[in-house]
Structures are given as structure tokens and as C-alpha cells.
């Protein structure tokens, strides 16, 4: 198959319109069969539920070209399950998980010429999302919804690729206890925009959010989970009911234990102990894992021994192993790789 004429190695993390996307509508209590379309526009009422009360959820995943030339998607069944959880929390109809995976497959197949070639460092980012589409003026769930999947080729999420990042401890709260921090709702990300713009203006790459109750425990950034490495090479991730359950984080913890033989632990992590870790990284679909070199906590600089020039050794091994699995260089656990073609 002939690929599109794109400078794959210099792609940023931005939107490039591709040929096809999948659309399905929910009306009268049921989802239709859905279909692929060339139309990239969305036409809805001025009073649509998504516009009035932010009733929208989304997912993110990637398609890759493997070393042997196959196009694959990484663990889409878990994205389907997480979107179902998000839908239930926002009183939206669940899009069937098997149909979700089918829609992803159809979208990748229809845009196969946009999947970057192996070794380019780029991937095809997939964005399934759902929103309330009928007019809603009273505060209540919509009655009609639209589920869509589009694709766009992307490069690294952070500029500079794997160069260590500088974070600040944010004065803003990302999510409240018993709130919606554990689901992938659009409203969570809207709330983080002022905080990330402020961080960028101050010269930081990202924010570290603390728990809203006590402001003593590490939660996540605006778009990624934290992963820490102790000085004796234990891999630690923060535990909280308001952290989004990252599929990448879950996969990295499995890789750490089963592939690298490391001890792993998910627990509450206090900001006061962050200075004692040897390495720190941000993990998520978009970033995979990006190293953190420094965190600034209201004037106090926390500099990790791994430094500002490259990933720490354990973070690098985790990155190499997981990307090796995704790219087909390393044998994957059963069910992790969905082969498209």
C-alpha cells in the first residue's frame, strides 16, 4: 500500500485531516449500525447537550506499523471498557465494547495510508468520542448521542521527544474527591487549560496536580499518570480514586514486573517524598513515557539524579520494552496487540 506524502519524522502532535471517520447515532433508545464517512464536519443543534452541559467523553489510542510491516492497535479493548465506564458516570448510553473495537478497526483500515512507516517515530492517533447531540435546555442527560472515531498521524506529544521535562506543582486542583477525575470526560480537560497555559507562560512543560482534599499527595498531570523509580529500582505509581486509570501505566507496571523482574507498587505518594525518588516519568497513550528532570514546588527545586539530558536507566528500559512490544520487536502478552492488516 502506498503511503501519503507526509514528512513523517517531523510530525508534531497536531490534527491532520484523514480520508475517513466512523459515525454512529443513538436515538429512541438504540445505537444504529454506524458507517464510515468522508464528511469531517459535525452538525448539531445550537442547544445540543454537549454545548450546554459538556456531556462528552473520549478515548485515545494509537495504530503502529510493526517491524514486520503489519498495522496494529495497542489494547483497544481496554479503551472500550474505559469509555463504557465514562459513559455510565455521565449518564450516557454505553457504546457496545465489541462495536467500539470494530469501529476502531474500520477507521484504521480506511486510513491505512496515513499510518506512519516503521522507524519514523510517528503513529496514527485514534480519537473515539461521544457527545449529547439533541437540544437540552434543562439540566438533564441528552436523549440522543453521536459516537465518532477519527484518525490523525502524529509525532511526539512533547516537543523535543524524550528530553526530560520541567514541572511545577500546581496551585489549581484537577479533580475533586468523588468527582470525575477517574473518567475521560471532556470537562476534566477544560478545567486544566488555564493551569497548563499558566505553567507554559512561566516556563514549565506541565503541572503536577496534588489531591484536592489535603494537597499533600501526588495525583497526575493534565494528561498523563506519574511513574516513579526508587533508588533500589522499585517502580511506584500513585494510587487515588480521582486519577484516570491509564492503560499505558497499567501496561508499564506489567512490563516492569513480568519482563524486567522489578518490584512494583501502586500506593499513595506524598509530595514530601518525591525528592527521594531516583527517576520520574509521565506515562500515557500520547506520551508513552516522558522523563521528568525537575519539579518545582513553590520555589523548592526537586532535581532527579537521572538529570535533564536523558531518561533514567529504568525509565529507558520500560520505554524500550513497551515500544518494542507495540512495534513487534518483542513478543507481546496475549491479547495486547490487535492486528488490523
C-alpha atoms as a PDB file:
ATOM      1  CA  UNK A   1       0.000   0.000   0.000  1.00  0.00           C
ATOM      2  CA  UNK A   2       1.308   3.446  -0.932  1.00  0.00           C
ATOM      3  CA  UNK A   3       1.650   5.854   1.980  1.00  0.00           C
ATOM      4  CA  UNK A   4       0.647   9.521   1.893  1.00  0.00           C
ATOM      5  CA  UNK A   5       3.366  12.029   1.046  1.00  0.00           C
ATOM      6  CA  UNK A   6       3.981  13.266   4.592  1.00  0.00           C
ATOM      7  CA  UNK A   7       7.234  14.214   6.343  1.00  0.00           C
ATOM      8  CA  UNK A   8       6.707  11.527   8.969  1.00  0.00           C
ATOM      9  CA  UNK A   9       9.858  12.217  11.000  1.00  0.00           C
ATOM     10  CA  UNK A  10       8.950  15.876  11.566  1.00  0.00           C
ATOM     11  CA  UNK A  11       5.319  15.476  12.589  1.00  0.00           C
ATOM     12  CA  UNK A  12       4.155  17.285  15.700  1.00  0.00           C
ATOM     13  CA  UNK A  13       1.229  16.284  17.883  1.00  0.00           C
ATOM     14  CA  UNK A  14      -1.488  18.026  15.906  1.00  0.00           C
ATOM     15  CA  UNK A  15      -4.556  17.380  13.763  1.00  0.00           C
ATOM     16  CA  UNK A  16      -4.216  16.372  10.116  1.00  0.00           C
ATOM     17  CA  UNK A  17      -7.499  15.506   8.447  1.00  0.00           C
ATOM     18  CA  UNK A  18      -7.562  11.970   7.053  1.00  0.00           C
ATOM     19  CA  UNK A  19      -9.888  10.427   4.492  1.00  0.00           C
ATOM     20  CA  UNK A  20     -12.495   8.610   6.567  1.00  0.00           C
ATOM     21  CA  UNK A  21     -14.073   8.528  10.017  1.00  0.00           C
ATOM     22  CA  UNK A  22     -16.702   6.333  11.698  1.00  0.00           C
ATOM     23  CA  UNK A  23     -20.072   7.712  12.873  1.00  0.00           C
ATOM     24  CA  UNK A  24     -22.914   6.075  14.798  1.00  0.00           C
ATOM     25  CA  UNK A  25     -26.042   7.710  16.257  1.00  0.00           C
ATOM     26  CA  UNK A  26     -28.136   6.855  19.325  1.00  0.00           C
ATOM     27  CA  UNK A  27     -31.854   7.610  19.040  1.00  0.00           C
ATOM     28  CA  UNK A  28     -35.043   6.141  20.500  1.00  0.00           C
ATOM     29  CA  UNK A  29     -33.040   4.042  22.935  1.00  0.00           C
ATOM     30  CA  UNK A  30     -30.713   2.269  20.497  1.00  0.00           C
ATOM     31  CA  UNK A  31     -27.492   2.725  18.532  1.00  0.00           C
ATOM     32  CA  UNK A  32     -27.644   2.410  14.750  1.00  0.00           C
ATOM     33  CA  UNK A  33     -25.140   0.275  12.845  1.00  0.00           C
ATOM     34  CA  UNK A  34     -22.884   3.208  12.103  1.00  0.00           C
ATOM     35  CA  UNK A  35     -20.836   3.772   8.969  1.00  0.00           C
ATOM     36  CA  UNK A  36     -17.669   5.323   7.591  1.00  0.00           C
ATOM     37  CA  UNK A  37     -17.966   8.785   6.049  1.00  0.00           C
ATOM     38  CA  UNK A  38     -15.750  11.264   4.243  1.00  0.00           C
ATOM     39  CA  UNK A  39     -17.514  14.181   5.954  1.00  0.00           C
ATOM     40  CA  UNK A  40     -15.305  15.612   8.711  1.00  0.00           C
ATOM     41  CA  UNK A  41     -17.920  18.099   9.916  1.00  0.00           C
ATOM     42  CA  UNK A  42     -20.326  17.664  12.824  1.00  0.00           C
ATOM     43  CA  UNK A  43     -23.756  19.313  12.519  1.00  0.00           C
ATOM     44  CA  UNK A  44     -25.763  19.643  15.734  1.00  0.00           C
ATOM     45  CA  UNK A  45     -28.401  21.897  17.289  1.00  0.00           C
ATOM     46  CA  UNK A  46     -27.307  25.144  18.898  1.00  0.00           C
ATOM     47  CA  UNK A  47     -28.890  23.734  22.057  1.00  0.00           C
ATOM     48  CA  UNK A  48     -27.169  20.314  21.910  1.00  0.00           C
ATOM     49  CA  UNK A  49     -26.428  18.727  25.265  1.00  0.00           C
ATOM     50  CA  UNK A  50     -22.700  18.768  24.618  1.00  0.00           C
ATOM     51  CA  UNK A  51     -22.722  22.541  24.054  1.00  0.00           C
ATOM     52  CA  UNK A  52     -24.890  23.382  27.048  1.00  0.00           C
ATOM     53  CA  UNK A  53     -23.705  20.963  29.735  1.00  0.00           C
ATOM     54  CA  UNK A  54     -20.433  19.461  28.441  1.00  0.00           C
ATOM     55  CA  UNK A  55     -21.854  15.947  28.120  1.00  0.00           C
ATOM     56  CA  UNK A  56     -18.944  14.462  26.212  1.00  0.00           C
ATOM     57  CA  UNK A  57     -16.366  11.715  26.720  1.00  0.00           C
ATOM     58  CA  UNK A  58     -13.447  10.495  24.651  1.00  0.00           C
ATOM     59  CA  UNK A  59     -10.622   7.990  24.328  1.00  0.00           C
ATOM     60  CA  UNK A  60      -7.177   7.999  22.746  1.00  0.00           C
ATOM     61  CA  UNK A  61      -5.083   5.199  21.271  1.00  0.00           C
ATOM     62  CA  UNK A  62      -2.551   4.631  18.515  1.00  0.00           C
ATOM     63  CA  UNK A  63      -2.060   2.457  15.458  1.00  0.00           C
ATOM     64  CA  UNK A  64       1.511   1.486  14.547  1.00  0.00           C
ATOM     65  CA  UNK A  65       3.388  -0.152  11.727  1.00  0.00           C
ATOM     66  CA  UNK A  66       5.335  -3.046  13.214  1.00  0.00           C
ATOM     67  CA  UNK A  67       8.799  -4.233  12.257  1.00  0.00           C
ATOM     68  CA  UNK A  68       7.322  -6.951  10.029  1.00  0.00           C
ATOM     69  CA  UNK A  69       5.014  -4.499   8.223  1.00  0.00           C
ATOM     70  CA  UNK A  70       1.699  -5.148   9.965  1.00  0.00           C
ATOM     71  CA  UNK A  71      -0.592  -2.367  11.146  1.00  0.00           C
ATOM     72  CA  UNK A  72      -1.661  -2.905  14.753  1.00  0.00           C
ATOM     73  CA  UNK A  73      -3.541  -1.170  17.576  1.00  0.00           C
ATOM     74  CA  UNK A  74      -2.490  -1.462  21.207  1.00  0.00           C
ATOM     75  CA  UNK A  75      -5.092  -2.880  23.644  1.00  0.00           C
ATOM     76  CA  UNK A  76      -8.256  -1.267  22.183  1.00  0.00           C
ATOM     77  CA  UNK A  77     -10.450  -3.497  24.344  1.00  0.00           C
ATOM     78  CA  UNK A  78      -9.286  -1.587  27.418  1.00  0.00           C
ATOM     79  CA  UNK A  79     -10.164   1.726  25.790  1.00  0.00           C
ATOM     80  CA  UNK A  80     -13.618   0.324  25.028  1.00  0.00           C
ATOM     81  CA  UNK A  81     -14.059  -0.680  28.657  1.00  0.00           C
ATOM     82  CA  UNK A  82     -12.855   2.676  29.977  1.00  0.00           C
ATOM     83  CA  UNK A  83     -15.211   4.569  27.653  1.00  0.00           C
ATOM     84  CA  UNK A  84     -18.079   2.423  28.919  1.00  0.00           C
ATOM     85  CA  UNK A  85     -17.191   3.449  32.487  1.00  0.00           C
ATOM     86  CA  UNK A  86     -17.044   7.110  31.429  1.00  0.00           C
ATOM     87  CA  UNK A  87     -20.455   6.855  29.745  1.00  0.00           C
ATOM     88  CA  UNK A  88     -22.085   5.385  32.838  1.00  0.00           C
ATOM     89  CA  UNK A  89     -20.689   8.167  35.041  1.00  0.00           C
ATOM     90  CA  UNK A  90     -22.086  10.908  32.762  1.00  0.00           C
ATOM     91  CA  UNK A  91     -25.453   9.143  32.239  1.00  0.00           C
ATOM     92  CA  UNK A  92     -24.721   8.417  28.589  1.00  0.00           C
ATOM     93  CA  UNK A  93     -25.640   5.210  26.752  1.00  0.00           C
ATOM     94  CA  UNK A  94     -22.737   2.775  26.602  1.00  0.00           C
ATOM     95  CA  UNK A  95     -21.441   2.172  23.102  1.00  0.00           C
ATOM     96  CA  UNK A  96     -21.080  -1.650  22.931  1.00  0.00           C
ATOM     97  CA  UNK A  97     -17.469  -2.607  23.607  1.00  0.00           C
ATOM     98  CA  UNK A  98     -17.234  -5.073  20.725  1.00  0.00           C
ATOM     99  CA  UNK A  99     -18.692  -2.467  18.349  1.00  0.00           C
ATOM    100  CA  UNK A 100     -16.178   0.059  19.683  1.00  0.00           C
ATOM    101  CA  UNK A 101     -13.279  -2.181  18.671  1.00  0.00           C
ATOM    102  CA  UNK A 102     -14.905  -2.840  15.287  1.00  0.00           C
ATOM    103  CA  UNK A 103     -15.263   0.913  14.697  1.00  0.00           C
ATOM    104  CA  UNK A 104     -11.594   1.452  15.538  1.00  0.00           C
ATOM    105  CA  UNK A 105     -10.555  -1.325  13.141  1.00  0.00           C
ATOM    106  CA  UNK A 106     -12.714   0.092  10.327  1.00  0.00           C
ATOM    107  CA  UNK A 107     -11.286   3.581  10.847  1.00  0.00           C
ATOM    108  CA  UNK A 108      -7.701   2.345  10.730  1.00  0.00           C
ATOM    109  CA  UNK A 109      -8.346   0.191   7.668  1.00  0.00           C
ATOM    110  CA  UNK A 110      -9.928   3.130   5.856  1.00  0.00           C
ATOM    111  CA  UNK A 111      -6.955   5.374   6.667  1.00  0.00           C
ATOM    112  CA  UNK A 112      -4.152   2.815   6.343  1.00  0.00           C
ATOM    113  CA  UNK A 113      -2.170   5.073   4.012  1.00  0.00           C
ATOM    114  CA  UNK A 114      -1.858   7.554   6.901  1.00  0.00           C
ATOM    115  CA  UNK A 115      -0.269   5.054   9.291  1.00  0.00           C
ATOM    116  CA  UNK A 116       3.370   6.187   9.533  1.00  0.00           C
ATOM    117  CA  UNK A 117       6.038   3.722   8.395  1.00  0.00           C
ATOM    118  CA  UNK A 118       8.037   1.663  10.867  1.00  0.00           C
ATOM    119  CA  UNK A 119      11.001   3.521  12.324  1.00  0.00           C
ATOM    120  CA  UNK A 120       9.625   7.019  11.693  1.00  0.00           C
ATOM    121  CA  UNK A 121       8.849   7.690  15.353  1.00  0.00           C
ATOM    122  CA  UNK A 122       5.290   8.640  14.397  1.00  0.00           C
ATOM    123  CA  UNK A 123       1.959   6.859  14.748  1.00  0.00           C
ATOM    124  CA  UNK A 124      -1.704   7.140  13.767  1.00  0.00           C
ATOM    125  CA  UNK A 125      -3.578   8.623  16.715  1.00  0.00           C
ATOM    126  CA  UNK A 126      -7.188   7.470  17.087  1.00  0.00           C
ATOM    127  CA  UNK A 127      -9.808   9.542  18.863  1.00  0.00           C
ATOM    128  CA  UNK A 128     -13.111   7.797  19.659  1.00  0.00           C
ATOM    129  CA  UNK A 129     -15.574  10.186  21.300  1.00  0.00           C
ATOM    130  CA  UNK A 130     -19.240  10.558  22.159  1.00  0.00           C
ATOM    131  CA  UNK A 131     -21.457  13.547  22.880  1.00  0.00           C
ATOM    132  CA  UNK A 132     -25.052  14.549  23.582  1.00  0.00           C
ATOM    133  CA  UNK A 133     -26.477  15.747  20.277  1.00  0.00           C
ATOM    134  CA  UNK A 134     -30.140  16.715  20.759  1.00  0.00           C
ATOM    135  CA  UNK A 135     -31.426  20.012  22.222  1.00  0.00           C
ATOM    136  CA  UNK A 136     -31.270  20.097  26.042  1.00  0.00           C
ATOM    137  CA  UNK A 137     -32.170  23.306  27.871  1.00  0.00           C
ATOM    138  CA  UNK A 138     -32.970  21.867  31.299  1.00  0.00           C
ATOM    139  CA  UNK A 139     -30.144  20.318  33.298  1.00  0.00           C
ATOM    140  CA  UNK A 140     -30.569  16.655  32.429  1.00  0.00           C
ATOM    141  CA  UNK A 141     -28.942  13.983  30.227  1.00  0.00           C
ATOM    142  CA  UNK A 142     -29.492  14.228  26.494  1.00  0.00           C
ATOM    143  CA  UNK A 143     -31.793  11.751  24.736  1.00  0.00           C
ATOM    144  CA  UNK A 144     -29.705  11.417  21.569  1.00  0.00           C
ATOM    145  CA  UNK A 145     -25.964  10.884  21.135  1.00  0.00           C
ATOM    146  CA  UNK A 146     -23.334  10.540  18.468  1.00  0.00           C
ATOM    147  CA  UNK A 147     -20.287   8.260  18.642  1.00  0.00           C
ATOM    148  CA  UNK A 148     -17.424   9.017  16.278  1.00  0.00           C
ATOM    149  CA  UNK A 149     -13.861   7.825  15.610  1.00  0.00           C
ATOM    150  CA  UNK A 150     -11.368   9.881  13.645  1.00  0.00           C
ATOM    151  CA  UNK A 151      -7.677   9.364  12.962  1.00  0.00           C
ATOM    152  CA  UNK A 152      -4.707  11.690  12.536  1.00  0.00           C
ATOM    153  CA  UNK A 153      -0.985  10.967  12.085  1.00  0.00           C
ATOM    154  CA  UNK A 154       1.089  12.407  14.940  1.00  0.00           C
ATOM    155  CA  UNK A 155       4.625  12.757  16.184  1.00  0.00           C
ATOM    156  CA  UNK A 156       5.781  13.070  19.839  1.00  0.00           C
ATOM    157  CA  UNK A 157       3.364  14.638  22.332  1.00  0.00           C
ATOM    158  CA  UNK A 158       6.063  16.759  23.949  1.00  0.00           C
ATOM    159  CA  UNK A 159       8.341  18.888  21.796  1.00  0.00           C
ATOM    160  CA  UNK A 160      11.858  17.525  21.888  1.00  0.00           C
ATOM    161  CA  UNK A 161      10.670  13.929  22.180  1.00  0.00           C
ATOM    162  CA  UNK A 162      12.228  12.204  25.180  1.00  0.00           C
ATOM    163  CA  UNK A 163      14.088  15.228  26.584  1.00  0.00           C
ATOM    164  CA  UNK A 164      13.398  15.432  30.352  1.00  0.00           C
ATOM    165  CA  UNK A 165      10.612  17.813  31.328  1.00  0.00           C
ATOM    166  CA  UNK A 166      10.359  20.508  33.987  1.00  0.00           C
ATOM    167  CA  UNK A 167       7.129  20.534  36.005  1.00  0.00           C
ATOM    168  CA  UNK A 168       5.594  22.813  38.580  1.00  0.00           C
ATOM    169  CA  UNK A 169       3.347  21.841  41.479  1.00  0.00           C
ATOM    170  CA  UNK A 170       0.079  23.483  40.519  1.00  0.00           C
ATOM    171  CA  UNK A 171      -1.975  25.762  42.751  1.00  0.00           C
ATOM    172  CA  UNK A 172      -5.055  24.568  40.887  1.00  0.00           C
ATOM    173  CA  UNK A 173      -7.000  21.357  41.523  1.00  0.00           C
ATOM    174  CA  UNK A 174      -7.519  18.917  38.665  1.00  0.00           C
ATOM    175  CA  UNK A 175     -10.309  16.830  40.210  1.00  0.00           C
ATOM    176  CA  UNK A 176     -12.333  16.630  43.407  1.00  0.00           C
ATOM    177  CA  UNK A 177     -12.842  13.583  45.624  1.00  0.00           C
ATOM    178  CA  UNK A 178     -15.912  11.664  44.401  1.00  0.00           C
ATOM    179  CA  UNK A 179     -15.785  13.752  41.215  1.00  0.00           C
ATOM    180  CA  UNK A 180     -14.970  12.788  37.623  1.00  0.00           C
ATOM    181  CA  UNK A 181     -11.172  12.564  37.687  1.00  0.00           C
ATOM    182  CA  UNK A 182     -11.286   8.798  37.134  1.00  0.00           C
ATOM    183  CA  UNK A 183     -13.113   9.045  33.793  1.00  0.00           C
ATOM    184  CA  UNK A 184     -12.108  10.547  30.455  1.00  0.00           C
ATOM    185  CA  UNK A 185     -14.606  13.389  30.315  1.00  0.00           C
ATOM    186  CA  UNK A 186     -14.028  16.494  28.235  1.00  0.00           C
ATOM    187  CA  UNK A 187     -14.915  18.709  31.184  1.00  0.00           C
ATOM    188  CA  UNK A 188     -11.840  17.473  33.117  1.00  0.00           C
ATOM    189  CA  UNK A 189      -9.552  18.730  30.388  1.00  0.00           C
ATOM    190  CA  UNK A 190     -11.369  22.052  30.028  1.00  0.00           C
ATOM    191  CA  UNK A 191     -10.686  22.665  33.717  1.00  0.00           C
ATOM    192  CA  UNK A 192      -6.956  22.078  33.185  1.00  0.00           C
ATOM    193  CA  UNK A 193      -6.489  24.530  30.302  1.00  0.00           C
ATOM    194  CA  UNK A 194      -5.927  27.677  32.374  1.00  0.00           C
ATOM    195  CA  UNK A 195      -3.470  25.806  34.574  1.00  0.00           C
ATOM    196  CA  UNK A 196      -1.398  24.468  31.663  1.00  0.00           C
ATOM    197  CA  UNK A 197      -1.367  27.827  29.857  1.00  0.00           C
ATOM    198  CA  UNK A 198      -0.178  29.447  33.088  1.00  0.00           C
ATOM    199  CA  UNK A 199       2.531  26.794  33.514  1.00  0.00           C
ATOM    200  CA  UNK A 200       3.763  27.315  29.951  1.00  0.00           C
ATOM    201  CA  UNK A 201       3.873  31.085  30.443  1.00  0.00           C
ATOM    202  CA  UNK A 202       6.072  30.518  33.493  1.00  0.00           C
ATOM    203  CA  UNK A 203       8.441  28.285  31.532  1.00  0.00           C
ATOM    204  CA  UNK A 204       7.268  24.854  32.664  1.00  0.00           C
ATOM    205  CA  UNK A 205       6.332  21.895  30.473  1.00  0.00           C
ATOM    206  CA  UNK A 206       3.497  20.557  32.629  1.00  0.00           C
ATOM    207  CA  UNK A 207       1.781  20.662  36.015  1.00  0.00           C
ATOM    208  CA  UNK A 208       1.893  18.225  38.893  1.00  0.00           C
ATOM    209  CA  UNK A 209      -1.544  18.149  40.490  1.00  0.00           C
ATOM    210  CA  UNK A 210      -1.977  17.243  44.147  1.00  0.00           C
ATOM    211  CA  UNK A 211      -5.059  15.778  45.788  1.00  0.00           C
ATOM    212  CA  UNK A 212      -7.760  18.388  46.340  1.00  0.00           C
ATOM    213  CA  UNK A 213      -8.551  17.313  49.915  1.00  0.00           C
ATOM    214  CA  UNK A 214      -5.175  17.664  51.611  1.00  0.00           C
ATOM    215  CA  UNK A 215      -2.830  18.912  48.855  1.00  0.00           C
ATOM    216  CA  UNK A 216      -0.186  16.511  50.178  1.00  0.00           C
ATOM    217  CA  UNK A 217      -0.438  13.596  47.719  1.00  0.00           C
ATOM    218  CA  UNK A 218       0.642  13.349  44.078  1.00  0.00           C
ATOM    219  CA  UNK A 219      -2.145  12.654  41.589  1.00  0.00           C
ATOM    220  CA  UNK A 220      -1.325  13.224  37.886  1.00  0.00           C
ATOM    221  CA  UNK A 221      -0.703  15.888  35.259  1.00  0.00           C
ATOM    222  CA  UNK A 222      -3.350  17.275  32.945  1.00  0.00           C
ATOM    223  CA  UNK A 223      -2.929  14.390  30.513  1.00  0.00           C
ATOM    224  CA  UNK A 224      -0.683  11.659  31.956  1.00  0.00           C
ATOM    225  CA  UNK A 225      -0.097   9.477  35.016  1.00  0.00           C
ATOM    226  CA  UNK A 226       3.063   9.649  37.108  1.00  0.00           C
ATOM    227  CA  UNK A 227       5.553   6.816  37.429  1.00  0.00           C
ATOM    228  CA  UNK A 228       8.430   6.928  39.927  1.00  0.00           C
ATOM    229  CA  UNK A 229      11.505   4.746  40.433  1.00  0.00           C
ATOM    230  CA  UNK A 230      13.083   4.364  43.871  1.00  0.00           C
ATOM    231  CA  UNK A 231      16.829   4.259  44.452  1.00  0.00           C
ATOM    232  CA  UNK A 232      16.594   0.474  44.787  1.00  0.00           C
ATOM    233  CA  UNK A 233      14.740   0.207  41.435  1.00  0.00           C
ATOM    234  CA  UNK A 234      11.194  -0.314  42.655  1.00  0.00           C
ATOM    235  CA  UNK A 235       8.589   1.133  40.261  1.00  0.00           C
ATOM    236  CA  UNK A 236       5.909   3.136  42.095  1.00  0.00           C
ATOM    237  CA  UNK A 237       2.728   4.800  40.796  1.00  0.00           C
ATOM    238  CA  UNK A 238       0.319   6.988  42.777  1.00  0.00           C
ATOM    239  CA  UNK A 239      -3.000   5.500  43.864  1.00  0.00           C
ATOM    240  CA  UNK A 240      -6.148   7.638  44.050  1.00  0.00           C
ATOM    241  CA  UNK A 241      -9.823   7.361  43.163  1.00  0.00           C
ATOM    242  CA  UNK A 242      -9.563  10.620  41.190  1.00  0.00           C
ATOM    243  CA  UNK A 243      -6.692   9.527  38.900  1.00  0.00           C
ATOM    244  CA  UNK A 244      -7.554   8.433  35.377  1.00  0.00           C
ATOM    245  CA  UNK A 245      -6.707   4.697  35.086  1.00  0.00           C
ATOM    246  CA  UNK A 246      -4.096   4.907  32.329  1.00  0.00           C
ATOM    247  CA  UNK A 247      -3.833   1.908  30.021  1.00  0.00           C
ATOM    248  CA  UNK A 248      -0.200   2.788  29.342  1.00  0.00           C
ATOM    249  CA  UNK A 249       0.574   2.945  33.073  1.00  0.00           C
ATOM    250  CA  UNK A 250      -1.075  -0.414  33.653  1.00  0.00           C
ATOM    251  CA  UNK A 251       0.930  -1.883  30.780  1.00  0.00           C
ATOM    252  CA  UNK A 252       4.204  -0.393  32.038  1.00  0.00           C
ATOM    253  CA  UNK A 253       3.663  -1.839  35.505  1.00  0.00           C
ATOM    254  CA  UNK A 254       3.112  -5.269  33.958  1.00  0.00           C
ATOM    255  CA  UNK A 255       6.246  -4.849  31.842  1.00  0.00           C
ATOM    256  CA  UNK A 256       8.257  -3.792  34.891  1.00  0.00           C
ATOM    257  CA  UNK A 257       7.247  -6.885  36.845  1.00  0.00           C
ATOM    258  CA  UNK A 258       6.943  -9.596  34.193  1.00  0.00           C
ATOM    259  CA  UNK A 259       9.545  -8.541  31.616  1.00  0.00           C
ATOM    260  CA  UNK A 260      12.146  -6.713  33.706  1.00  0.00           C
ATOM    261  CA  UNK A 261      11.719  -8.559  37.021  1.00  0.00           C
ATOM    262  CA  UNK A 262      11.278  -5.353  39.017  1.00  0.00           C
ATOM    263  CA  UNK A 263       9.230  -4.856  42.150  1.00  0.00           C
ATOM    264  CA  UNK A 264       6.153  -2.689  41.513  1.00  0.00           C
ATOM    265  CA  UNK A 265       3.826  -0.861  43.866  1.00  0.00           C
ATOM    266  CA  UNK A 266       0.687   1.252  43.483  1.00  0.00           C
ATOM    267  CA  UNK A 267       0.184   3.388  46.582  1.00  0.00           C
ATOM    268  CA  UNK A 268      -0.382   6.897  47.844  1.00  0.00           C
ATOM    269  CA  UNK A 269       2.661   9.032  47.063  1.00  0.00           C
ATOM    270  CA  UNK A 270       3.246  12.141  49.182  1.00  0.00           C
ATOM    271  CA  UNK A 271       4.790  15.261  47.690  1.00  0.00           C
ATOM    272  CA  UNK A 272       7.285  15.327  50.583  1.00  0.00           C
ATOM    273  CA  UNK A 273       8.797  12.010  49.450  1.00  0.00           C
ATOM    274  CA  UNK A 274       9.182  12.878  45.751  1.00  0.00           C
ATOM    275  CA  UNK A 275      12.691  14.223  46.382  1.00  0.00           C
ATOM    276  CA  UNK A 276      13.778  10.735  47.459  1.00  0.00           C
ATOM    277  CA  UNK A 277      12.986   9.051  44.116  1.00  0.00           C
ATOM    278  CA  UNK A 278      15.737   8.334  41.596  1.00  0.00           C
ATOM    279  CA  UNK A 279      13.591   8.754  38.467  1.00  0.00           C
ATOM    280  CA  UNK A 280      10.249  10.188  37.449  1.00  0.00           C
ATOM    281  CA  UNK A 281       8.223   9.877  34.256  1.00  0.00           C
ATOM    282  CA  UNK A 282       4.854  10.791  32.771  1.00  0.00           C
ATOM    283  CA  UNK A 283       3.011   7.962  31.054  1.00  0.00           C
ATOM    284  CA  UNK A 284       0.004   7.902  28.772  1.00  0.00           C
ATOM    285  CA  UNK A 285      -1.099   6.991  25.255  1.00  0.00           C
ATOM    286  CA  UNK A 286       0.100  10.241  23.719  1.00  0.00           C
ATOM    287  CA  UNK A 287       3.451  10.463  25.500  1.00  0.00           C
ATOM    288  CA  UNK A 288       4.093   6.704  26.116  1.00  0.00           C
ATOM    289  CA  UNK A 289       6.583   7.670  28.840  1.00  0.00           C
ATOM    290  CA  UNK A 290       8.345  11.012  29.052  1.00  0.00           C
ATOM    291  CA  UNK A 291      11.115  11.583  31.608  1.00  0.00           C
ATOM    292  CA  UNK A 292      10.845  14.326  34.213  1.00  0.00           C
ATOM    293  CA  UNK A 293      14.104  16.009  35.176  1.00  0.00           C
ATOM    294  CA  UNK A 294      12.911  18.620  37.651  1.00  0.00           C
ATOM    295  CA  UNK A 295       9.820  19.543  39.668  1.00  0.00           C
ATOM    296  CA  UNK A 296       9.453  22.986  41.229  1.00  0.00           C
ATOM    297  CA  UNK A 297       7.300  23.146  44.346  1.00  0.00           C
ATOM    298  CA  UNK A 298       6.769  26.827  45.136  1.00  0.00           C
ATOM    299  CA  UNK A 299      10.432  27.716  44.905  1.00  0.00           C
ATOM    300  CA  UNK A 300      11.819  24.361  46.049  1.00  0.00           C
ATOM    301  CA  UNK A 301      13.556  22.560  43.203  1.00  0.00           C
ATOM    302  CA  UNK A 302      13.389  18.772  43.174  1.00  0.00           C
ATOM    303  CA  UNK A 303      16.045  17.522  40.764  1.00  0.00           C
ATOM    304  CA  UNK A 304      16.142  13.815  39.992  1.00  0.00           C
ATOM    305  CA  UNK A 305      19.505  12.006  39.802  1.00  0.00           C
ATOM    306  CA  UNK A 306      18.609  10.909  36.253  1.00  0.00           C
ATOM    307  CA  UNK A 307      19.223  14.520  35.209  1.00  0.00           C
ATOM    308  CA  UNK A 308      17.978  16.829  32.457  1.00  0.00           C
ATOM    309  CA  UNK A 309      19.733  15.239  29.491  1.00  0.00           C
ATOM    310  CA  UNK A 310      18.195  11.793  29.083  1.00  0.00           C
ATOM    311  CA  UNK A 311      15.879   9.178  30.568  1.00  0.00           C
ATOM    312  CA  UNK A 312      16.945   7.378  33.691  1.00  0.00           C
ATOM    313  CA  UNK A 313      18.068   3.762  33.176  1.00  0.00           C
ATOM    314  CA  UNK A 314      14.877   2.100  34.473  1.00  0.00           C
ATOM    315  CA  UNK A 315      12.594   4.528  32.655  1.00  0.00           C
ATOM    316  CA  UNK A 316      14.570   3.847  29.472  1.00  0.00           C
ATOM    317  CA  UNK A 317      14.192   0.090  29.883  1.00  0.00           C
ATOM    318  CA  UNK A 318      10.446   0.469  30.432  1.00  0.00           C
ATOM    319  CA  UNK A 319      10.128   2.692  27.365  1.00  0.00           C
ATOM    320  CA  UNK A 320      12.218   0.403  25.177  1.00  0.00           C
ATOM    321  CA  UNK A 321      10.327  -2.706  26.260  1.00  0.00           C
ATOM    322  CA  UNK A 322       6.831  -1.292  25.851  1.00  0.00           C
ATOM    323  CA  UNK A 323       7.561   0.333  22.490  1.00  0.00           C
ATOM    324  CA  UNK A 324       9.292  -2.893  21.456  1.00  0.00           C
ATOM    325  CA  UNK A 325       6.070  -4.765  22.201  1.00  0.00           C
ATOM    326  CA  UNK A 326       3.990  -2.193  20.328  1.00  0.00           C
ATOM    327  CA  UNK A 327       6.287  -2.276  17.299  1.00  0.00           C
ATOM    328  CA  UNK A 328       6.526  -6.061  17.162  1.00  0.00           C
ATOM    329  CA  UNK A 329      10.198  -6.314  18.141  1.00  0.00           C
ATOM    330  CA  UNK A 330       9.322  -8.034  21.424  1.00  0.00           C
ATOM    331  CA  UNK A 331       6.678 -10.718  21.877  1.00  0.00           C
ATOM    332  CA  UNK A 332       3.522  -9.239  23.405  1.00  0.00           C
ATOM    333  CA  UNK A 333       1.374 -10.722  26.158  1.00  0.00           C
ATOM    334  CA  UNK A 334      -1.709 -12.442  24.804  1.00  0.00           C
ATOM    335  CA  UNK A 335      -4.432 -10.013  23.769  1.00  0.00           C
ATOM    336  CA  UNK A 336      -2.327  -6.855  23.850  1.00  0.00           C
ATOM    337  CA  UNK A 337      -1.957  -6.382  20.102  1.00  0.00           C
ATOM    338  CA  UNK A 338      -4.902  -6.083  17.704  1.00  0.00           C
ATOM    339  CA  UNK A 339      -3.635  -6.788  14.172  1.00  0.00           C
ATOM    340  CA  UNK A 340      -5.510  -4.722  11.595  1.00  0.00           C
ATOM    341  CA  UNK A 341      -3.766  -5.869   8.428  1.00  0.00           C
END
